[in-house]
Each structure stands twice: as C-alpha cells, then as structure tokens.
Amino acid sequence: HRHYAIHQGKAFFNELVTFITASPIIA
C-alpha cells in the first residue's frame, strides 16, 4: 500500500496488491 500509494483508488489497485504480495520478490 505504501509503495503503490499513487495508484490507490484506481480500478486495478486491489489486484496489484494481491499480485505483488502473493509470493516472494527481489528488491
């Protein structure tokens, strides 16, 4: 939510959060 704050309120926001938190990432 903090990283993608600029997209809050957009139609794809919840799907984006679900996707990015689904499994590990590399930062």
PDB file of all heavy atoms in Angstrom:
ATOM      1  N   HIS A   1       0.829  -1.212   0.000  1.00  0.00           N
ATOM      2  CA  HIS A   1       0.000   0.000   0.000  1.00  0.00           C
ATOM      3  C   HIS A   1       0.860   1.258   0.000  1.00  0.00           C
ATOM      4  O   HIS A   1       0.540   2.225  -0.693  1.00  0.00           O
ATOM      5  CB  HIS A   1      -0.958  -0.002   1.203  1.00  0.00           C
ATOM      6  CG  HIS A   1      -2.179  -0.833   0.984  1.00  0.00           C
ATOM      7  ND1 HIS A   1      -3.400  -0.291   0.650  1.00  0.00           N
ATOM      8  CD2 HIS A   1      -2.364  -2.180   1.035  1.00  0.00           C
ATOM      9  CE1 HIS A   1      -4.283  -1.272   0.514  1.00  0.00           C
ATOM     10  NE2 HIS A   1      -3.669  -2.427   0.740  1.00  0.00           N
ATOM     11  N   ARG A   2       1.958   1.245   0.749  1.00  0.00           N
ATOM     12  CA  ARG A   2       2.848   2.415   0.774  1.00  0.00           C
ATOM     13  C   ARG A   2       3.576   2.566  -0.560  1.00  0.00           C
ATOM     14  O   ARG A   2       3.696   3.675  -1.088  1.00  0.00           O
ATOM     15  CB  ARG A   2       3.849   2.309   1.921  1.00  0.00           C
ATOM     16  CG  ARG A   2       3.190   2.587   3.281  1.00  0.00           C
ATOM     17  CD  ARG A   2       4.172   2.511   4.424  1.00  0.00           C
ATOM     18  NE  ARG A   2       4.380   1.086   4.723  1.00  0.00           N
ATOM     19  CZ  ARG A   2       5.514   0.545   5.133  1.00  0.00           C
ATOM     20  NH1 ARG A   2       6.584   1.292   5.326  1.00  0.00           N
ATOM     21  NH2 ARG A   2       5.598  -0.743   5.374  1.00  0.00           N
ATOM     22  N   HIS A   3       4.051   1.461  -1.102  1.00  0.00           N
ATOM     23  CA  HIS A   3       4.800   1.523  -2.362  1.00  0.00           C
ATOM     24  C   HIS A   3       3.917   1.963  -3.525  1.00  0.00           C
ATOM     25  O   HIS A   3       4.343   2.744  -4.377  1.00  0.00           O
ATOM     26  CB  HIS A   3       5.444   0.170  -2.664  1.00  0.00           C
ATOM     27  CG  HIS A   3       6.197   0.160  -3.948  1.00  0.00           C
ATOM     28  ND1 HIS A   3       7.338   0.904  -4.149  1.00  0.00           N
ATOM     29  CD2 HIS A   3       5.962  -0.484  -5.121  1.00  0.00           C
ATOM     30  CE1 HIS A   3       7.779   0.710  -5.379  1.00  0.00           C
ATOM     31  NE2 HIS A   3       6.959  -0.127  -5.987  1.00  0.00           N
ATOM     32  N   TYR A   4       2.705   1.451  -3.588  1.00  0.00           N
ATOM     33  CA  TYR A   4       1.798   1.753  -4.698  1.00  0.00           C
ATOM     34  C   TYR A   4       0.742   2.800  -4.328  1.00  0.00           C
ATOM     35  O   TYR A   4      -0.326   2.844  -4.943  1.00  0.00           O
ATOM     36  CB  TYR A   4       1.129   0.470  -5.194  1.00  0.00           C
ATOM     37  CG  TYR A   4       2.073  -0.448  -5.933  1.00  0.00           C
ATOM     38  CD1 TYR A   4       2.386  -1.709  -5.441  1.00  0.00           C
ATOM     39  CD2 TYR A   4       2.661  -0.062  -7.137  1.00  0.00           C
ATOM     40  CE1 TYR A   4       3.243  -2.557  -6.122  1.00  0.00           C
ATOM     41  CE2 TYR A   4       3.519  -0.894  -7.824  1.00  0.00           C
ATOM     42  CZ  TYR A   4       3.815  -2.137  -7.313  1.00  0.00           C
ATOM     43  OH  TYR A   4       4.667  -2.969  -7.994  1.00  0.00           O
ATOM     44  N   ALA A   5       1.025   3.639  -3.357  1.00  0.00           N
ATOM     45  CA  ALA A   5       0.064   4.649  -2.885  1.00  0.00           C
ATOM     46  C   ALA A   5      -0.473   5.521  -4.018  1.00  0.00           C
ATOM     47  O   ALA A   5      -1.642   5.911  -4.006  1.00  0.00           O
ATOM     48  CB  ALA A   5       0.697   5.514  -1.801  1.00  0.00           C
ATOM     49  N   ILE A   6       0.343   5.819  -4.997  1.00  0.00           N
ATOM     50  CA  ILE A   6      -0.071   6.659  -6.127  1.00  0.00           C
ATOM     51  C   ILE A   6      -1.232   6.038  -6.904  1.00  0.00           C
ATOM     52  O   ILE A   6      -1.996   6.734  -7.562  1.00  0.00           O
ATOM     53  CB  ILE A   6       1.124   6.950  -7.061  1.00  0.00           C
ATOM     54  CG1 ILE A   6       0.779   8.045  -8.055  1.00  0.00           C
ATOM     55  CG2 ILE A   6       1.587   5.688  -7.767  1.00  0.00           C
ATOM     56  CD1 ILE A   6       1.957   8.598  -8.807  1.00  0.00           C
ATOM     57  N   HIS A   7      -1.388   4.715  -6.809  1.00  0.00           N
ATOM     58  CA  HIS A   7      -2.442   4.023  -7.551  1.00  0.00           C
ATOM     59  C   HIS A   7      -3.693   3.740  -6.714  1.00  0.00           C
ATOM     60  O   HIS A   7      -4.657   3.169  -7.239  1.00  0.00           O
ATOM     61  CB  HIS A   7      -1.907   2.709  -8.118  1.00  0.00           C
ATOM     62  CG  HIS A   7      -0.785   2.888  -9.086  1.00  0.00           C
ATOM     63  ND1 HIS A   7      -0.885   3.657 -10.227  1.00  0.00           N
ATOM     64  CD2 HIS A   7       0.485   2.409  -9.075  1.00  0.00           C
ATOM     65  CE1 HIS A   7       0.253   3.636 -10.879  1.00  0.00           C
ATOM     66  NE2 HIS A   7       1.110   2.889 -10.199  1.00  0.00           N
ATOM     67  N   GLN A   8      -3.684   4.127  -5.433  1.00  0.00           N
ATOM     68  CA  GLN A   8      -4.865   3.876  -4.598  1.00  0.00           C
ATOM     69  C   GLN A   8      -6.085   4.549  -5.219  1.00  0.00           C
ATOM     70  O   GLN A   8      -6.010   5.655  -5.727  1.00  0.00           O
ATOM     71  CB  GLN A   8      -4.649   4.373  -3.177  1.00  0.00           C
ATOM     72  CG  GLN A   8      -3.826   3.401  -2.373  1.00  0.00           C
ATOM     73  CD  GLN A   8      -3.710   3.785  -0.909  1.00  0.00           C
ATOM     74  OE1 GLN A   8      -3.806   4.943  -0.541  1.00  0.00           O
ATOM     75  NE2 GLN A   8      -3.484   2.785  -0.075  1.00  0.00           N
ATOM     76  N   GLY A   9      -7.187   3.824  -5.212  1.00  0.00           N
ATOM     77  CA  GLY A   9      -8.423   4.338  -5.779  1.00  0.00           C
ATOM     78  C   GLY A   9      -8.632   3.957  -7.238  1.00  0.00           C
ATOM     79  O   GLY A   9      -9.725   4.113  -7.772  1.00  0.00           O
ATOM     80  N   LYS A  10      -7.590   3.464  -7.894  1.00  0.00           N
ATOM     81  CA  LYS A  10      -7.723   3.043  -9.290  1.00  0.00           C
ATOM     82  C   LYS A  10      -8.295   1.619  -9.329  1.00  0.00           C
ATOM     83  O   LYS A  10      -8.133   0.848  -8.399  1.00  0.00           O
ATOM     84  CB  LYS A  10      -6.371   3.100 -10.003  1.00  0.00           C
ATOM     85  CG  LYS A  10      -5.843   4.530 -10.117  1.00  0.00           C
ATOM     86  CD  LYS A  10      -4.510   4.587 -10.818  1.00  0.00           C
ATOM     87  CE  LYS A  10      -4.018   6.029 -10.875  1.00  0.00           C
ATOM     88  NZ  LYS A  10      -2.648   6.119 -11.418  1.00  0.00           N
ATOM     89  N   ALA A  11      -8.944   1.300 -10.431  1.00  0.00           N
ATOM     90  CA  ALA A  11      -9.645   0.019 -10.565  1.00  0.00           C
ATOM     91  C   ALA A  11      -8.720  -1.187 -10.372  1.00  0.00           C
ATOM     92  O   ALA A  11      -9.149  -2.217  -9.861  1.00  0.00           O
ATOM     93  CB  ALA A  11     -10.317  -0.060 -11.935  1.00  0.00           C
ATOM     94  N   PHE A  12      -7.467  -1.070 -10.742  1.00  0.00           N
ATOM     95  CA  PHE A  12      -6.551  -2.212 -10.679  1.00  0.00           C
ATOM     96  C   PHE A  12      -5.780  -2.307  -9.360  1.00  0.00           C
ATOM     97  O   PHE A  12      -5.003  -3.253  -9.172  1.00  0.00           O
ATOM     98  CB  PHE A  12      -5.551  -2.150 -11.843  1.00  0.00           C
ATOM     99  CG  PHE A  12      -4.692  -0.911 -11.846  1.00  0.00           C
ATOM    100  CD1 PHE A  12      -3.510  -0.853 -11.107  1.00  0.00           C
ATOM    101  CD2 PHE A  12      -5.067   0.204 -12.598  1.00  0.00           C
ATOM    102  CE1 PHE A  12      -2.712   0.283 -11.112  1.00  0.00           C
ATOM    103  CE2 PHE A  12      -4.267   1.347 -12.612  1.00  0.00           C
ATOM    104  CZ  PHE A  12      -3.093   1.389 -11.864  1.00  0.00           C
ATOM    105  N   PHE A  13      -5.996  -1.373  -8.430  1.00  0.00           N
ATOM    106  CA  PHE A  13      -5.174  -1.307  -7.213  1.00  0.00           C
ATOM    107  C   PHE A  13      -5.238  -2.593  -6.382  1.00  0.00           C
ATOM    108  O   PHE A  13      -4.199  -3.141  -6.007  1.00  0.00           O
ATOM    109  CB  PHE A  13      -5.569  -0.105  -6.351  1.00  0.00           C
ATOM    110  CG  PHE A  13      -4.740   0.011  -5.091  1.00  0.00           C
ATOM    111  CD1 PHE A  13      -3.436   0.454  -5.144  1.00  0.00           C
ATOM    112  CD2 PHE A  13      -5.273  -0.343  -3.863  1.00  0.00           C
ATOM    113  CE1 PHE A  13      -2.665   0.551  -3.997  1.00  0.00           C
ATOM    114  CE2 PHE A  13      -4.512  -0.251  -2.705  1.00  0.00           C
ATOM    115  CZ  PHE A  13      -3.205   0.201  -2.778  1.00  0.00           C
ATOM    116  N   ASN A  14      -6.416  -3.084  -6.082  1.00  0.00           N
ATOM    117  CA  ASN A  14      -6.534  -4.284  -5.235  1.00  0.00           C
ATOM    118  C   ASN A  14      -5.897  -5.503  -5.888  1.00  0.00           C
ATOM    119  O   ASN A  14      -5.228  -6.296  -5.224  1.00  0.00           O
ATOM    120  CB  ASN A  14      -8.000  -4.563  -4.886  1.00  0.00           C
ATOM    121  CG  ASN A  14      -8.540  -3.540  -3.912  1.00  0.00           C
ATOM    122  OD1 ASN A  14      -7.802  -2.925  -3.156  1.00  0.00           O
ATOM    123  ND2 ASN A  14      -9.845  -3.337  -3.950  1.00  0.00           N
ATOM    124  N   GLU A  15      -6.079  -5.644  -7.198  1.00  0.00           N
ATOM    125  CA  GLU A  15      -5.453  -6.755  -7.918  1.00  0.00           C
ATOM    126  C   GLU A  15      -3.932  -6.636  -7.884  1.00  0.00           C
ATOM    127  O   GLU A  15      -3.214  -7.630  -7.735  1.00  0.00           O
ATOM    128  CB  GLU A  15      -5.946  -6.789  -9.367  1.00  0.00           C
ATOM    129  CG  GLU A  15      -5.434  -7.980 -10.133  1.00  0.00           C
ATOM    130  CD  GLU A  15      -5.976  -8.025 -11.565  1.00  0.00           C
ATOM    131  OE1 GLU A  15      -7.056  -7.482 -11.839  1.00  0.00           O
ATOM    132  OE2 GLU A  15      -5.271  -8.627 -12.399  1.00  0.00           O
ATOM    133  N   LEU A  16      -3.423  -5.406  -7.993  1.00  0.00           N
ATOM    134  CA  LEU A  16      -1.981  -5.169  -7.932  1.00  0.00           C
ATOM    135  C   LEU A  16      -1.415  -5.579  -6.575  1.00  0.00           C
ATOM    136  O   LEU A  16      -0.395  -6.275  -6.490  1.00  0.00           O
ATOM    137  CB  LEU A  16      -1.697  -3.686  -8.203  1.00  0.00           C
ATOM    138  CG  LEU A  16      -0.254  -3.209  -8.095  1.00  0.00           C
ATOM    139  CD1 LEU A  16       0.651  -3.950  -9.070  1.00  0.00           C
ATOM    140  CD2 LEU A  16      -0.193  -1.712  -8.343  1.00  0.00           C
ATOM    141  N   VAL A  17      -2.101  -5.183  -5.496  1.00  0.00           N
ATOM    142  CA  VAL A  17      -1.654  -5.543  -4.142  1.00  0.00           C
ATOM    143  C   VAL A  17      -1.688  -7.063  -3.958  1.00  0.00           C
ATOM    144  O   VAL A  17      -0.741  -7.651  -3.412  1.00  0.00           O
ATOM    145  CB  VAL A  17      -2.494  -4.812  -3.067  1.00  0.00           C
ATOM    146  CG1 VAL A  17      -2.211  -5.367  -1.673  1.00  0.00           C
ATOM    147  CG2 VAL A  17      -2.228  -3.311  -3.120  1.00  0.00           C
ATOM    148  N   THR A  18      -2.755  -7.695  -4.412  1.00  0.00           N
ATOM    149  CA  THR A  18      -2.863  -9.151  -4.301  1.00  0.00           C
ATOM    150  C   THR A  18      -1.720  -9.835  -5.057  1.00  0.00           C
ATOM    151  O   THR A  18      -1.096 -10.766  -4.546  1.00  0.00           O
ATOM    152  CB  THR A  18      -4.220  -9.637  -4.845  1.00  0.00           C
ATOM    153  OG1 THR A  18      -5.259  -9.040  -4.050  1.00  0.00           O
ATOM    154  CG2 THR A  18      -4.341 -11.145  -4.802  1.00  0.00           C
ATOM    155  N   PHE A  19      -1.417  -9.360  -6.245  1.00  0.00           N
ATOM    156  CA  PHE A  19      -0.358  -9.946  -7.061  1.00  0.00           C
ATOM    157  C   PHE A  19       1.016  -9.771  -6.414  1.00  0.00           C
ATOM    158  O   PHE A  19       1.773 -10.725  -6.272  1.00  0.00           O
ATOM    159  CB  PHE A  19      -0.364  -9.310  -8.461  1.00  0.00           C
ATOM    160  CG  PHE A  19       0.878  -9.594  -9.259  1.00  0.00           C
ATOM    161  CD1 PHE A  19       1.179 -10.882  -9.667  1.00  0.00           C
ATOM    162  CD2 PHE A  19       1.748  -8.567  -9.603  1.00  0.00           C
ATOM    163  CE1 PHE A  19       2.326 -11.148 -10.402  1.00  0.00           C
ATOM    164  CE2 PHE A  19       2.894  -8.821 -10.328  1.00  0.00           C
ATOM    165  CZ  PHE A  19       3.187 -10.116 -10.737  1.00  0.00           C
ATOM    166  N   ILE A  20       1.349  -8.561  -6.001  1.00  0.00           N
ATOM    167  CA  ILE A  20       2.703  -8.274  -5.514  1.00  0.00           C
ATOM    168  C   ILE A  20       2.971  -8.927  -4.157  1.00  0.00           C
ATOM    169  O   ILE A  20       4.116  -9.161  -3.789  1.00  0.00           O
ATOM    170  CB  ILE A  20       2.978  -6.750  -5.479  1.00  0.00           C
ATOM    171  CG1 ILE A  20       4.482  -6.454  -5.525  1.00  0.00           C
ATOM    172  CG2 ILE A  20       2.321  -6.075  -4.305  1.00  0.00           C
ATOM    173  CD1 ILE A  20       5.152  -6.732  -6.830  1.00  0.00           C
ATOM    174  N   THR A  21       1.914  -9.262  -3.416  1.00  0.00           N
ATOM    175  CA  THR A  21       2.080  -9.904  -2.109  1.00  0.00           C
ATOM    176  C   THR A  21       1.904 -11.421  -2.164  1.00  0.00           C
ATOM    177  O   THR A  21       2.006 -12.094  -1.141  1.00  0.00           O
ATOM    178  CB  THR A  21       1.084  -9.320  -1.083  1.00  0.00           C
ATOM    179  OG1 THR A  21      -0.256  -9.538  -1.538  1.00  0.00           O
ATOM    180  CG2 THR A  21       1.318  -7.829  -0.853  1.00  0.00           C
ATOM    181  N   ALA A  22       1.656 -11.977  -3.343  1.00  0.00           N
ATOM    182  CA  ALA A  22       1.343 -13.400  -3.483  1.00  0.00           C
ATOM    183  C   ALA A  22       2.528 -14.322  -3.227  1.00  0.00           C
ATOM    184  O   ALA A  22       2.348 -15.429  -2.726  1.00  0.00           O
ATOM    185  CB  ALA A  22       0.767 -13.668  -4.871  1.00  0.00           C
ATOM    186  N   SER A  23       3.712 -13.901  -3.598  1.00  0.00           N
ATOM    187  CA  SER A  23       4.908 -14.727  -3.403  1.00  0.00           C
ATOM    188  C   SER A  23       6.133 -13.814  -3.392  1.00  0.00           C
ATOM    189  O   SER A  23       6.018 -12.621  -3.658  1.00  0.00           O
ATOM    190  CB  SER A  23       5.005 -15.811  -4.480  1.00  0.00           C
ATOM    191  OG  SER A  23       5.158 -15.248  -5.757  1.00  0.00           O
ATOM    192  N   PRO A  24       7.302 -14.357  -3.086  1.00  0.00           N
ATOM    193  CA  PRO A  24       8.489 -13.512  -2.921  1.00  0.00           C
ATOM    194  C   PRO A  24       8.867 -12.704  -4.161  1.00  0.00           C
ATOM    195  O   PRO A  24       8.567 -13.081  -5.296  1.00  0.00           O
ATOM    196  CB  PRO A  24       9.597 -14.517  -2.593  1.00  0.00           C
ATOM    197  CG  PRO A  24       8.892 -15.686  -2.000  1.00  0.00           C
ATOM    198  CD  PRO A  24       7.591 -15.756  -2.751  1.00  0.00           C
ATOM    199  N   ILE A  25       9.534 -11.593  -3.883  1.00  0.00           N
ATOM    200  CA  ILE A  25      10.082 -10.711  -4.912  1.00  0.00           C
ATOM    201  C   ILE A  25      11.570 -10.504  -4.610  1.00  0.00           C
ATOM    202  O   ILE A  25      12.037 -10.835  -3.522  1.00  0.00           O
ATOM    203  CB  ILE A  25       9.373  -9.336  -4.947  1.00  0.00           C
ATOM    204  CG1 ILE A  25       9.609  -8.568  -3.638  1.00  0.00           C
ATOM    205  CG2 ILE A  25       7.892  -9.485  -5.254  1.00  0.00           C
ATOM    206  CD1 ILE A  25       9.245  -7.101  -3.707  1.00  0.00           C
ATOM    207  N   ILE A  26      12.267  -9.937  -5.564  1.00  0.00           N
ATOM    208  CA  ILE A  26      13.633  -9.480  -5.360  1.00  0.00           C
ATOM    209  C   ILE A  26      13.602  -7.959  -5.402  1.00  0.00           C
ATOM    210  O   ILE A  26      13.078  -7.374  -6.358  1.00  0.00           O
ATOM    211  CB  ILE A  26      14.588  -9.994  -6.466  1.00  0.00           C
ATOM    212  CG1 ILE A  26      14.590 -11.516  -6.551  1.00  0.00           C
ATOM    213  CG2 ILE A  26      16.002  -9.423  -6.272  1.00  0.00           C
ATOM    214  CD1 ILE A  26      15.162 -12.234  -5.354  1.00  0.00           C
ATOM    215  N   ALA A  27      14.135  -7.334  -4.358  1.00  0.00           N
ATOM    216  CA  ALA A  27      14.300  -5.880  -4.338  1.00  0.00           C
ATOM    217  C   ALA A  27      15.786  -5.604  -4.505  1.00  0.00           C
ATOM    218  O   ALA A  27      16.623  -6.262  -3.877  1.00  0.00           O
ATOM    219  CB  ALA A  27      13.789  -5.298  -3.021  1.00  0.00           C
TER     220      ALA A  27
END
